[in-house]
Amino acid sequence: MITGAHTIIYSSDVSADIEFFKNILGFDNVDAGGGWLIFRLPPAELAIHPAEVNGPHVLYLMCDNIVLFIEEMKGHNIHCGPVDEQRWGSVTTLTLPGGGKIGVYEPKHVRP
């Protein structure tokens, strides 16, 4: 039935963010036509959180070691915010080269 999920990041600097995912994170990709790249994502999980109003939906990338990840990003001049320790994981916010922000976390929970 469902074979995967397609995630979209809207960016005011598409070229910079594509270069980040392609060359810094090293995500495999395919050209879907006309130079439009689609990136392979690592395995994913989905959580449903309670809210007063539906949406917006949020993207977090996951890593095995948040401290090491932040250090690696510093080496590429990519800013990450301070680590916020939550019950479910250690979380930072990464600022993409295009100016957008995404969450990155090291899970403390068992992975499905």
PDB file of N, CA and C in Angstrom:
ATOM      1  N   MET A   1       0.817  -1.181   0.000  1.00  0.00           N
ATOM      2  CA  MET A   1       0.000   0.000   0.000  1.00  0.00           C
ATOM      3  C   MET A   1       0.871   1.259   0.000  1.00  0.00           C
ATOM      4  N   ILE A   2       1.379   1.724   1.113  1.00  0.00           N
ATOM      5  CA  ILE A   2       2.278   2.883   1.172  1.00  0.00           C
ATOM      6  C   ILE A   2       3.706   2.378   1.008  1.00  0.00           C
ATOM      7  N   THR A   3       4.459   3.003   0.117  1.00  0.00           N
ATOM      8  CA  THR A   3       5.834   2.543  -0.150  1.00  0.00           C
ATOM      9  C   THR A   3       6.897   3.506   0.356  1.00  0.00           C
ATOM     10  N   GLY A   4       6.491   4.665   0.850  1.00  0.00           N
ATOM     11  CA  GLY A   4       7.461   5.635   1.340  1.00  0.00           C
ATOM     12  C   GLY A   4       6.782   6.956   1.632  1.00  0.00           C
ATOM     13  N   ALA A   5       7.589   7.971   1.902  1.00  0.00           N
ATOM     14  CA  ALA A   5       7.083   9.320   2.157  1.00  0.00           C
ATOM     15  C   ALA A   5       7.941  10.306   1.367  1.00  0.00           C
ATOM     16  N   HIS A   6       7.328  11.363   0.877  1.00  0.00           N
ATOM     17  CA  HIS A   6       8.040  12.404   0.144  1.00  0.00           C
ATOM     18  C   HIS A   6       8.003  13.664   1.006  1.00  0.00           C
ATOM     19  N   THR A   7       9.152  14.162   1.381  1.00  0.00           N
ATOM     20  CA  THR A   7       9.263  15.341   2.229  1.00  0.00           C
ATOM     21  C   THR A   7       9.711  16.518   1.374  1.00  0.00           C
ATOM     22  N   ILE A   8       9.173  17.700   1.650  1.00  0.00           N
ATOM     23  CA  ILE A   8       9.522  18.899   0.894  1.00  0.00           C
ATOM     24  C   ILE A   8      10.077  19.951   1.847  1.00  0.00           C
ATOM     25  N   ILE A   9      11.192  20.558   1.470  1.00  0.00           N
ATOM     26  CA  ILE A   9      11.725  21.717   2.173  1.00  0.00           C
ATOM     27  C   ILE A   9      11.594  22.898   1.210  1.00  0.00           C
ATOM     28  N   TYR A  10      10.887  23.926   1.628  1.00  0.00           N
ATOM     29  CA  TYR A  10      10.780  25.133   0.820  1.00  0.00           C
ATOM     30  C   TYR A  10      11.966  26.022   1.172  1.00  0.00           C
ATOM     31  N   SER A  11      12.599  26.610   0.170  1.00  0.00           N
ATOM     32  CA  SER A  11      13.833  27.362   0.383  1.00  0.00           C
ATOM     33  C   SER A  11      13.874  28.614  -0.468  1.00  0.00           C
ATOM     34  N   SER A  12      14.420  29.685   0.106  1.00  0.00           N
ATOM     35  CA  SER A  12      14.625  30.907  -0.672  1.00  0.00           C
ATOM     36  C   SER A  12      15.959  30.866  -1.411  1.00  0.00           C
ATOM     37  N   ASP A  13      16.788  29.839  -1.120  1.00  0.00           N
ATOM     38  CA  ASP A  13      18.061  29.640  -1.833  1.00  0.00           C
ATOM     39  C   ASP A  13      18.217  28.152  -2.124  1.00  0.00           C
ATOM     40  N   VAL A  14      17.473  27.689  -3.108  1.00  0.00           N
ATOM     41  CA  VAL A  14      17.417  26.261  -3.446  1.00  0.00           C
ATOM     42  C   VAL A  14      18.804  25.701  -3.756  1.00  0.00           C
ATOM     43  N   SER A  15      19.596  26.409  -4.531  1.00  0.00           N
ATOM     44  CA  SER A  15      20.922  25.912  -4.922  1.00  0.00           C
ATOM     45  C   SER A  15      21.808  25.650  -3.712  1.00  0.00           C
ATOM     46  N   ALA A  16      21.822  26.573  -2.752  1.00  0.00           N
ATOM     47  CA  ALA A  16      22.651  26.401  -1.550  1.00  0.00           C
ATOM     48  C   ALA A  16      22.191  25.197  -0.737  1.00  0.00           C
ATOM     49  N   ASP A  17      20.877  25.036  -0.591  1.00  0.00           N
ATOM     50  CA  ASP A  17      20.375  23.916   0.201  1.00  0.00           C
ATOM     51  C   ASP A  17      20.582  22.585  -0.513  1.00  0.00           C
ATOM     52  N   ILE A  18      20.450  22.563  -1.841  1.00  0.00           N
ATOM     53  CA  ILE A  18      20.737  21.339  -2.596  1.00  0.00           C
ATOM     54  C   ILE A  18      22.202  20.945  -2.413  1.00  0.00           C
ATOM     55  N   GLU A  19      23.095  21.900  -2.509  1.00  0.00           N
ATOM     56  CA  GLU A  19      24.524  21.619  -2.305  1.00  0.00           C
ATOM     57  C   GLU A  19      24.788  21.071  -0.914  1.00  0.00           C
ATOM     58  N   PHE A  20      24.100  21.590   0.104  1.00  0.00           N
ATOM     59  CA  PHE A  20      24.250  21.100   1.478  1.00  0.00           C
ATOM     60  C   PHE A  20      23.854  19.624   1.582  1.00  0.00           C
ATOM     61  N   PHE A  21      22.671  19.285   1.087  1.00  0.00           N
ATOM     62  CA  PHE A  21      22.214  17.898   1.187  1.00  0.00           C
ATOM     63  C   PHE A  21      23.060  16.965   0.319  1.00  0.00           C
ATOM     64  N   LYS A  22      23.507  17.455  -0.820  1.00  0.00           N
ATOM     65  CA  LYS A  22      24.289  16.645  -1.746  1.00  0.00           C
ATOM     66  C   LYS A  22      25.738  16.478  -1.285  1.00  0.00           C
ATOM     67  N   ASN A  23      26.398  17.577  -0.948  1.00  0.00           N
ATOM     68  CA  ASN A  23      27.839  17.536  -0.701  1.00  0.00           C
ATOM     69  C   ASN A  23      28.255  17.499   0.764  1.00  0.00           C
ATOM     70  N   ILE A  24      27.472  18.052   1.661  1.00  0.00           N
ATOM     71  CA  ILE A  24      27.842  18.021   3.084  1.00  0.00           C
ATOM     72  C   ILE A  24      27.228  16.810   3.772  1.00  0.00           C
ATOM     73  N   LEU A  25      25.916  16.622   3.599  1.00  0.00           N
ATOM     74  CA  LEU A  25      25.293  15.441   4.201  1.00  0.00           C
ATOM     75  C   LEU A  25      25.521  14.191   3.358  1.00  0.00           C
ATOM     76  N   GLY A  26      25.826  14.362   2.077  1.00  0.00           N
ATOM     77  CA  GLY A  26      26.141  13.225   1.212  1.00  0.00           C
ATOM     78  C   GLY A  26      24.953  12.347   0.871  1.00  0.00           C
ATOM     79  N   PHE A  27      23.753  12.918   0.800  1.00  0.00           N
ATOM     80  CA  PHE A  27      22.565  12.136   0.471  1.00  0.00           C
ATOM     81  C   PHE A  27      22.601  11.751  -1.009  1.00  0.00           C
ATOM     82  N   ASP A  28      22.373  10.471  -1.303  1.00  0.00           N
ATOM     83  CA  ASP A  28      22.240  10.017  -2.677  1.00  0.00           C
ATOM     84  C   ASP A  28      21.043  10.722  -3.305  1.00  0.00           C
ATOM     85  N   ASN A  29      21.095  10.898  -4.637  1.00  0.00           N
ATOM     86  CA  ASN A  29      20.000  11.586  -5.300  1.00  0.00           C
ATOM     87  C   ASN A  29      19.861  11.097  -6.728  1.00  0.00           C
ATOM     88  N   VAL A  30      18.716  11.403  -7.302  1.00  0.00           N
ATOM     89  CA  VAL A  30      18.463  11.144  -8.715  1.00  0.00           C
ATOM     90  C   VAL A  30      17.930  12.425  -9.335  1.00  0.00           C
ATOM     91  N   ASP A  31      18.166  12.566 -10.632  1.00  0.00           N
ATOM     92  CA  ASP A  31      17.618  13.694 -11.377  1.00  0.00           C
ATOM     93  C   ASP A  31      16.244  13.268 -11.873  1.00  0.00           C
ATOM     94  N   ALA A  32      15.216  13.942 -11.383  1.00  0.00           N
ATOM     95  CA  ALA A  32      13.845  13.604 -11.763  1.00  0.00           C
ATOM     96  C   ALA A  32      13.458  14.259 -13.084  1.00  0.00           C
ATOM     97  N   GLY A  33      14.417  14.958 -13.697  1.00  0.00           N
ATOM     98  CA  GLY A  33      14.172  15.626 -14.970  1.00  0.00           C
ATOM     99  C   GLY A  33      14.480  17.109 -14.873  1.00  0.00           C
ATOM    100  N   GLY A  34      15.212  17.618 -15.841  1.00  0.00           N
ATOM    101  CA  GLY A  34      15.521  19.035 -15.876  1.00  0.00           C
ATOM    102  C   GLY A  34      16.404  19.515 -14.742  1.00  0.00           C
ATOM    103  N   GLY A  35      17.189  18.619 -14.162  1.00  0.00           N
ATOM    104  CA  GLY A  35      18.064  19.006 -13.062  1.00  0.00           C
ATOM    105  C   GLY A  35      17.384  19.053 -11.703  1.00  0.00           C
ATOM    106  N   TRP A  36      16.128  18.599 -11.623  1.00  0.00           N
ATOM    107  CA  TRP A  36      15.372  18.592 -10.369  1.00  0.00           C
ATOM    108  C   TRP A  36      15.784  17.366  -9.562  1.00  0.00           C
ATOM    109  N   LEU A  37      16.561  17.564  -8.487  1.00  0.00           N
ATOM    110  CA  LEU A  37      17.077  16.444  -7.710  1.00  0.00           C
ATOM    111  C   LEU A  37      16.086  15.982  -6.653  1.00  0.00           C
ATOM    112  N   ILE A  38      15.983  14.682  -6.519  1.00  0.00           N
ATOM    113  CA  ILE A  38      15.217  14.041  -5.451  1.00  0.00           C
ATOM    114  C   ILE A  38      16.226  13.268  -4.616  1.00  0.00           C
ATOM    115  N   PHE A  39      16.261  13.540  -3.309  1.00  0.00           N
ATOM    116  CA  PHE A  39      17.245  12.925  -2.423  1.00  0.00           C
ATOM    117  C   PHE A  39      16.688  11.705  -1.715  1.00  0.00           C
ATOM    118  N   ARG A  40      17.543  10.682  -1.621  1.00  0.00           N
ATOM    119  CA  ARG A  40      17.207   9.509  -0.817  1.00  0.00           C
ATOM    120  C   ARG A  40      17.391   9.903   0.641  1.00  0.00           C
ATOM    121  N   LEU A  41      16.399   9.602   1.455  1.00  0.00           N
ATOM    122  CA  LEU A  41      16.500   9.855   2.888  1.00  0.00           C
ATOM    123  C   LEU A  41      16.828   8.560   3.608  1.00  0.00           C
ATOM    124  N   PRO A  42      17.438   8.679   4.767  1.00  0.00           N
ATOM    125  CA  PRO A  42      17.661   7.478   5.579  1.00  0.00           C
ATOM    126  C   PRO A  42      16.309   6.941   6.072  1.00  0.00           C
ATOM    127  N   PRO A  43      16.310   5.760   6.695  1.00  0.00           N
ATOM    128  CA  PRO A  43      15.055   5.245   7.244  1.00  0.00           C
ATOM    129  C   PRO A  43      14.375   6.315   8.100  1.00  0.00           C
ATOM    130  N   ALA A  44      13.068   6.291   8.117  1.00  0.00           N
ATOM    131  CA  ALA A  44      12.306   7.329   8.803  1.00  0.00           C
ATOM    132  C   ALA A  44      11.330   6.710   9.792  1.00  0.00           C
ATOM    133  N   GLU A  45      10.786   7.573  10.630  1.00  0.00           N
ATOM    134  CA  GLU A  45       9.723   7.181  11.538  1.00  0.00           C
ATOM    135  C   GLU A  45       8.715   8.322  11.586  1.00  0.00           C
ATOM    136  N   LEU A  46       7.535   8.064  12.071  1.00  0.00           N
ATOM    137  CA  LEU A  46       6.464   9.048  12.111  1.00  0.00           C
ATOM    138  C   LEU A  46       5.849   9.051  13.499  1.00  0.00           C
ATOM    139  N   ALA A  47       5.648  10.224  14.062  1.00  0.00           N
ATOM    140  CA  ALA A  47       4.963  10.360  15.347  1.00  0.00           C
ATOM    141  C   ALA A  47       3.774  11.284  15.155  1.00  0.00           C
ATOM    142  N   ILE A  48       2.705  11.037  15.875  1.00  0.00           N
ATOM    143  CA  ILE A  48       1.521  11.888  15.847  1.00  0.00           C
ATOM    144  C   ILE A  48       1.448  12.586  17.205  1.00  0.00           C
ATOM    145  N   HIS A  49       1.481  13.924  17.191  1.00  0.00           N
ATOM    146  CA  HIS A  49       1.475  14.698  18.434  1.00  0.00           C
ATOM    147  C   HIS A  49       0.141  15.430  18.576  1.00  0.00           C
ATOM    148  N   PRO A  50      -0.336  15.591  19.812  1.00  0.00           N
ATOM    149  CA  PRO A  50      -1.575  16.340  20.015  1.00  0.00           C
ATOM    150  C   PRO A  50      -1.355  17.832  19.756  1.00  0.00           C
ATOM    151  N   ALA A  51      -2.369  18.509  19.228  1.00  0.00           N
ATOM    152  CA  ALA A  51      -2.291  19.943  18.974  1.00  0.00           C
ATOM    153  C   ALA A  51      -3.698  20.533  18.978  1.00  0.00           C
ATOM    154  N   GLU A  52      -3.786  21.814  19.270  1.00  0.00           N
ATOM    155  CA  GLU A  52      -5.067  22.525  19.241  1.00  0.00           C
ATOM    156  C   GLU A  52      -5.592  22.641  17.812  1.00  0.00           C
ATOM    157  N   VAL A  53      -4.646  22.798  16.848  1.00  0.00           N
ATOM    158  CA  VAL A  53      -4.990  23.006  15.441  1.00  0.00           C
ATOM    159  C   VAL A  53      -4.132  22.062  14.602  1.00  0.00           C
ATOM    160  N   ASN A  54      -4.673  21.550  13.504  1.00  0.00           N
ATOM    161  CA  ASN A  54      -3.894  20.680  12.618  1.00  0.00           C
ATOM    162  C   ASN A  54      -2.773  21.453  11.937  1.00  0.00           C
ATOM    163  N   GLY A  55      -1.600  20.788  11.768  1.00  0.00           N
ATOM    164  CA  GLY A  55      -0.451  21.371  11.073  1.00  0.00           C
ATOM    165  C   GLY A  55       0.173  22.475  11.907  1.00  0.00           C
ATOM    166  N   PRO A  56       1.269  23.059  11.529  1.00  0.00           N
ATOM    167  CA  PRO A  56       2.102  22.603  10.416  1.00  0.00           C
ATOM    168  C   PRO A  56       2.831  21.321  10.776  1.00  0.00           C
ATOM    169  N   HIS A  57       3.360  20.653   9.775  1.00  0.00           N
ATOM    170  CA  HIS A  57       4.103  19.423   9.984  1.00  0.00           C
ATOM    171  C   HIS A  57       5.583  19.770  10.087  1.00  0.00           C
ATOM    172  N   VAL A  58       6.347  18.959  10.792  1.00  0.00           N
ATOM    173  CA  VAL A  58       7.731  19.292  11.127  1.00  0.00           C
ATOM    174  C   VAL A  58       8.674  18.187  10.671  1.00  0.00           C
ATOM    175  N   LEU A  59       9.855  18.573  10.171  1.00  0.00           N
ATOM    176  CA  LEU A  59      10.888  17.626   9.765  1.00  0.00           C
ATOM    177  C   LEU A  59      12.036  17.666  10.761  1.00  0.00           C
ATOM    178  N   TYR A  60      12.434  16.517  11.249  1.00  0.00           N
ATOM    179  CA  TYR A  60      13.650  16.346  12.037  1.00  0.00           C
ATOM    180  C   TYR A  60      14.509  15.313  11.333  1.00  0.00           C
ATOM    181  N   LEU A  61      15.793  15.585  11.195  1.00  0.00           N
ATOM    182  CA  LEU A  61      16.740  14.551  10.794  1.00  0.00           C
ATOM    183  C   LEU A  61      17.235  13.902  12.076  1.00  0.00           C
ATOM    184  N   MET A  62      17.604  12.636  12.017  1.00  0.00           N
ATOM    185  CA  MET A  62      18.074  11.929  13.204  1.00  0.00           C
ATOM    186  C   MET A  62      19.533  11.553  13.028  1.00  0.00           C
ATOM    187  N   CYS A  63      20.255  11.509  14.151  1.00  0.00           N
ATOM    188  CA  CYS A  63      21.665  11.129  14.121  1.00  0.00           C
ATOM    189  C   CYS A  63      21.961  10.231  15.318  1.00  0.00           C
ATOM    190  N   ASP A  64      23.133   9.600  15.288  1.00  0.00           N
ATOM    191  CA  ASP A  64      23.539   8.712  16.378  1.00  0.00           C
ATOM    192  C   ASP A  64      24.271   9.444  17.496  1.00  0.00           C
ATOM    193  N   ASN A  65      24.871  10.608  17.187  1.00  0.00           N
ATOM    194  CA  ASN A  65      25.647  11.354  18.175  1.00  0.00           C
ATOM    195  C   ASN A  65      25.515  12.844  17.879  1.00  0.00           C
ATOM    196  N   ILE A  66      24.680  13.534  18.643  1.00  0.00           N
ATOM    197  CA  ILE A  66      24.386  14.942  18.370  1.00  0.00           C
ATOM    198  C   ILE A  66      25.617  15.835  18.530  1.00  0.00           C
ATOM    199  N   VAL A  67      26.453  15.549  19.508  1.00  0.00           N
ATOM    200  CA  VAL A  67      27.649  16.364  19.740  1.00  0.00           C
ATOM    201  C   VAL A  67      28.596  16.241  18.557  1.00  0.00           C
ATOM    202  N   LEU A  68      28.835  15.029  18.089  1.00  0.00           N
ATOM    203  CA  LEU A  68      29.693  14.807  16.928  1.00  0.00           C
ATOM    204  C   LEU A  68      29.100  15.454  15.675  1.00  0.00           C
ATOM    205  N   PHE A  69      27.785  15.358  15.510  1.00  0.00           N
ATOM    206  CA  PHE A  69      27.127  15.966  14.367  1.00  0.00           C
ATOM    207  C   PHE A  69      27.340  17.485  14.358  1.00  0.00           C
ATOM    208  N   ILE A  70      27.147  18.123  15.504  1.00  0.00           N
ATOM    209  CA  ILE A  70      27.315  19.575  15.593  1.00  0.00           C
ATOM    210  C   ILE A  70      28.753  19.967  15.279  1.00  0.00           C
ATOM    211  N   GLU A  71      29.707  19.217  15.786  1.00  0.00           N
ATOM    212  CA  GLU A  71      31.122  19.497  15.499  1.00  0.00           C
ATOM    213  C   GLU A  71      31.410  19.374  14.004  1.00  0.00           C
ATOM    214  N   GLU A  72      30.850  18.345  13.373  1.00  0.00           N
ATOM    215  CA  GLU A  72      31.055  18.161  11.936  1.00  0.00           C
ATOM    216  C   GLU A  72      30.455  19.328  11.151  1.00  0.00           C
ATOM    217  N   MET A  73      29.273  19.786  11.559  1.00  0.00           N
ATOM    218  CA  MET A  73      28.638  20.910  10.873  1.00  0.00           C
ATOM    219  C   MET A  73      29.462  22.191  11.047  1.00  0.00           C
ATOM    220  N   LYS A  74      30.043  22.391  12.233  1.00  0.00           N
ATOM    221  CA  LYS A  74      30.909  23.561  12.452  1.00  0.00           C
ATOM    222  C   LYS A  74      32.051  23.580  11.446  1.00  0.00           C
ATOM    223  N   GLY A  75      32.604  22.402  11.126  1.00  0.00           N
ATOM    224  CA  GLY A  75      33.682  22.293  10.159  1.00  0.00           C
ATOM    225  C   GLY A  75      33.272  22.715   8.759  1.00  0.00           C
ATOM    226  N   HIS A  76      31.953  22.744   8.513  1.00  0.00           N
ATOM    227  CA  HIS A  76      31.421  23.180   7.213  1.00  0.00           C
ATOM    228  C   HIS A  76      30.790  24.570   7.312  1.00  0.00           C
ATOM    229  N   ASN A  77      31.020  25.250   8.441  1.00  0.00           N
ATOM    230  CA  ASN A  77      30.430  26.574   8.698  1.00  0.00           C
ATOM    231  C   ASN A  77      28.906  26.556   8.665  1.00  0.00           C
ATOM    232  N   ILE A  78      28.326  25.449   9.136  1.00  0.00           N
ATOM    233  CA  ILE A  78      26.876  25.324   9.249  1.00  0.00           C
ATOM    234  C   ILE A  78      26.530  25.489  10.728  1.00  0.00           C
ATOM    235  N   HIS A  79      25.640  26.437  11.023  1.00  0.00           N
ATOM    236  CA  HIS A  79      25.290  26.738  12.412  1.00  0.00           C
ATOM    237  C   HIS A  79      24.237  25.774  12.950  1.00  0.00           C
ATOM    238  N   CYS A  80      24.504  25.282  14.157  1.00  0.00           N
ATOM    239  CA  CYS A  80      23.525  24.511  14.916  1.00  0.00           C
ATOM    240  C   CYS A  80      23.302  25.229  16.249  1.00  0.00           C
ATOM    241  N   GLY A  81      22.077  25.242  16.703  1.00  0.00           N
ATOM    242  CA  GLY A  81      21.755  25.867  17.979  1.00  0.00           C
ATOM    243  C   GLY A  81      22.213  25.005  19.138  1.00  0.00           C
ATOM    244  N   PRO A  82      21.983  25.472  20.361  1.00  0.00           N
ATOM    245  CA  PRO A  82      22.354  24.688  21.537  1.00  0.00           C
ATOM    246  C   PRO A  82      21.534  23.395  21.604  1.00  0.00           C
ATOM    247  N   VAL A  83      22.095  22.409  22.280  1.00  0.00           N
ATOM    248  CA  VAL A  83      21.392  21.134  22.449  1.00  0.00           C
ATOM    249  C   VAL A  83      20.344  21.290  23.545  1.00  0.00           C
ATOM    250  N   ASP A  84      19.137  20.869  23.247  1.00  0.00           N
ATOM    251  CA  ASP A  84      18.022  20.888  24.187  1.00  0.00           C
ATOM    252  C   ASP A  84      17.726  19.436  24.562  1.00  0.00           C
ATOM    253  N   GLU A  85      17.929  19.109  25.817  1.00  0.00           N
ATOM    254  CA  GLU A  85      17.679  17.736  26.271  1.00  0.00           C
ATOM    255  C   GLU A  85      16.199  17.538  26.560  1.00  0.00           C
ATOM    256  N   GLN A  86      15.583  16.650  25.822  1.00  0.00           N
ATOM    257  CA  GLN A  86      14.183  16.294  26.013  1.00  0.00           C
ATOM    258  C   GLN A  86      14.098  14.840  26.477  1.00  0.00           C
ATOM    259  N   ARG A  87      12.954  14.442  26.975  1.00  0.00           N
ATOM    260  CA  ARG A  87      12.751  13.067  27.425  1.00  0.00           C
ATOM    261  C   ARG A  87      12.996  12.089  26.288  1.00  0.00           C
ATOM    262  N   TRP A  88      12.653  12.464  25.071  1.00  0.00           N
ATOM    263  CA  TRP A  88      12.714  11.579  23.903  1.00  0.00           C
ATOM    264  C   TRP A  88      13.984  11.715  23.086  1.00  0.00           C
ATOM    265  N   GLY A  89      14.814  12.762  23.344  1.00  0.00           N
ATOM    266  CA  GLY A  89      16.033  12.906  22.560  1.00  0.00           C
ATOM    267  C   GLY A  89      16.781  14.192  22.847  1.00  0.00           C
ATOM    268  N   SER A  90      17.998  14.255  22.335  1.00  0.00           N
ATOM    269  CA  SER A  90      18.834  15.456  22.399  1.00  0.00           C
ATOM    270  C   SER A  90      18.639  16.191  21.078  1.00  0.00           C
ATOM    271  N   VAL A  91      18.216  17.461  21.130  1.00  0.00           N
ATOM    272  CA  VAL A  91      17.740  18.166  19.953  1.00  0.00           C
ATOM    273  C   VAL A  91      18.550  19.431  19.697  1.00  0.00           C
ATOM    274  N   THR A  92      18.806  19.702  18.415  1.00  0.00           N
ATOM    275  CA  THR A  92      19.378  20.971  17.996  1.00  0.00           C
ATOM    276  C   THR A  92      18.599  21.465  16.784  1.00  0.00           C
ATOM    277  N   THR A  93      18.800  22.731  16.452  1.00  0.00           N
ATOM    278  CA  THR A  93      18.234  23.302  15.239  1.00  0.00           C
ATOM    279  C   THR A  93      19.381  23.649  14.303  1.00  0.00           C
ATOM    280  N   LEU A  94      19.316  23.162  13.090  1.00  0.00           N
ATOM    281  CA  LEU A  94      20.333  23.403  12.084  1.00  0.00           C
ATOM    282  C   LEU A  94      19.830  24.488  11.143  1.00  0.00           C
ATOM    283  N   THR A  95      20.679  25.494  10.878  1.00  0.00           N
ATOM    284  CA  THR A  95      20.321  26.532   9.910  1.00  0.00           C
ATOM    285  C   THR A  95      20.894  26.137   8.559  1.00  0.00           C
ATOM    286  N   LEU A  96      20.015  25.901   7.594  1.00  0.00           N
ATOM    287  CA  LEU A  96      20.430  25.536   6.247  1.00  0.00           C
ATOM    288  C   LEU A  96      21.121  26.725   5.576  1.00  0.00           C
ATOM    289  N   PRO A  97      21.985  26.464   4.594  1.00  0.00           N
ATOM    290  CA  PRO A  97      22.639  27.564   3.881  1.00  0.00           C
ATOM    291  C   PRO A  97      21.645  28.553   3.279  1.00  0.00           C
ATOM    292  N   GLY A  98      20.464  28.079   2.910  1.00  0.00           N
ATOM    293  CA  GLY A  98      19.438  28.954   2.354  1.00  0.00           C
ATOM    294  C   GLY A  98      18.696  29.768   3.398  1.00  0.00           C
ATOM    295  N   GLY A  99      18.997  29.550   4.680  1.00  0.00           N
ATOM    296  CA  GLY A  99      18.391  30.325   5.756  1.00  0.00           C
ATOM    297  C   GLY A  99      17.284  29.624   6.515  1.00  0.00           C
ATOM    298  N   GLY A 100      16.738  28.542   5.955  1.00  0.00           N
ATOM    299  CA  GLY A 100      15.692  27.800   6.660  1.00  0.00           C
ATOM    300  C   GLY A 100      16.273  27.018   7.829  1.00  0.00           C
ATOM    301  N   LYS A 101      15.416  26.542   8.684  1.00  0.00           N
ATOM    302  CA  LYS A 101      15.851  25.778   9.857  1.00  0.00           C
ATOM    303  C   LYS A 101      15.149  24.425   9.880  1.00  0.00           C
ATOM    304  N   ILE A 102      15.905  23.395  10.267  1.00  0.00           N
ATOM    305  CA  ILE A 102      15.326  22.073  10.481  1.00  0.00           C
ATOM    306  C   ILE A 102      15.865  21.528  11.795  1.00  0.00           C
ATOM    307  N   GLY A 103      15.112  20.652  12.407  1.00  0.00           N
ATOM    308  CA  GLY A 103      15.543  20.013  13.638  1.00  0.00           C
ATOM    309  C   GLY A 103      16.406  18.806  13.344  1.00  0.00           C
ATOM    310  N   VAL A 104      17.332  18.546  14.260  1.00  0.00           N
ATOM    311  CA  VAL A 104      18.155  17.332  14.221  1.00  0.00           C
ATOM    312  C   VAL A 104      18.157  16.790  15.638  1.00  0.00           C
ATOM    313  N   TYR A 105      17.968  15.488  15.770  1.00  0.00           N
ATOM    314  CA  TYR A 105      18.005  14.946  17.117  1.00  0.00           C
ATOM    315  C   TYR A 105      18.606  13.554  17.181  1.00  0.00           C
ATOM    316  N   GLU A 106      19.153  13.270  18.361  1.00  0.00           N
ATOM    317  CA  GLU A 106      19.658  11.947  18.711  1.00  0.00           C
ATOM    318  C   GLU A 106      18.602  11.313  19.593  1.00  0.00           C
ATOM    319  N   PRO A 107      17.904  10.292  19.084  1.00  0.00           N
ATOM    320  CA  PRO A 107      16.827   9.692  19.872  1.00  0.00           C
ATOM    321  C   PRO A 107      17.328   9.015  21.143  1.00  0.00           C
ATOM    322  N   LYS A 108      16.528   9.101  22.188  1.00  0.00           N
ATOM    323  CA  LYS A 108      16.782   8.348  23.423  1.00  0.00           C
ATOM    324  C   LYS A 108      15.850   7.136  23.480  1.00  0.00           C
ATOM    325  N   HIS A 109      14.864   7.105  22.597  1.00  0.00           N
ATOM    326  CA  HIS A 109      13.890   6.026  22.581  1.00  0.00           C
ATOM    327  C   HIS A 109      14.341   4.887  21.679  1.00  0.00           C
ATOM    328  N   VAL A 110      13.737   3.755  21.831  1.00  0.00           N
ATOM    329  CA  VAL A 110      13.980   2.609  20.967  1.00  0.00           C
ATOM    330  C   VAL A 110      13.473   2.955  19.571  1.00  0.00           C
ATOM    331  N   ARG A 111      14.231   2.614  18.557  1.00  0.00           N
ATOM    332  CA  ARG A 111      13.845   2.891  17.167  1.00  0.00           C
ATOM    333  C   ARG A 111      12.961   1.767  16.655  1.00  0.00           C
ATOM    334  N   PRO A 112      11.862   2.114  15.939  1.00  0.00           N
ATOM    335  CA  PRO A 112      10.986   1.065  15.402  1.00  0.00           C
ATOM    336  C   PRO A 112      11.670   0.306  14.271  1.00  0.00           C
TER     337      PRO A 112
END
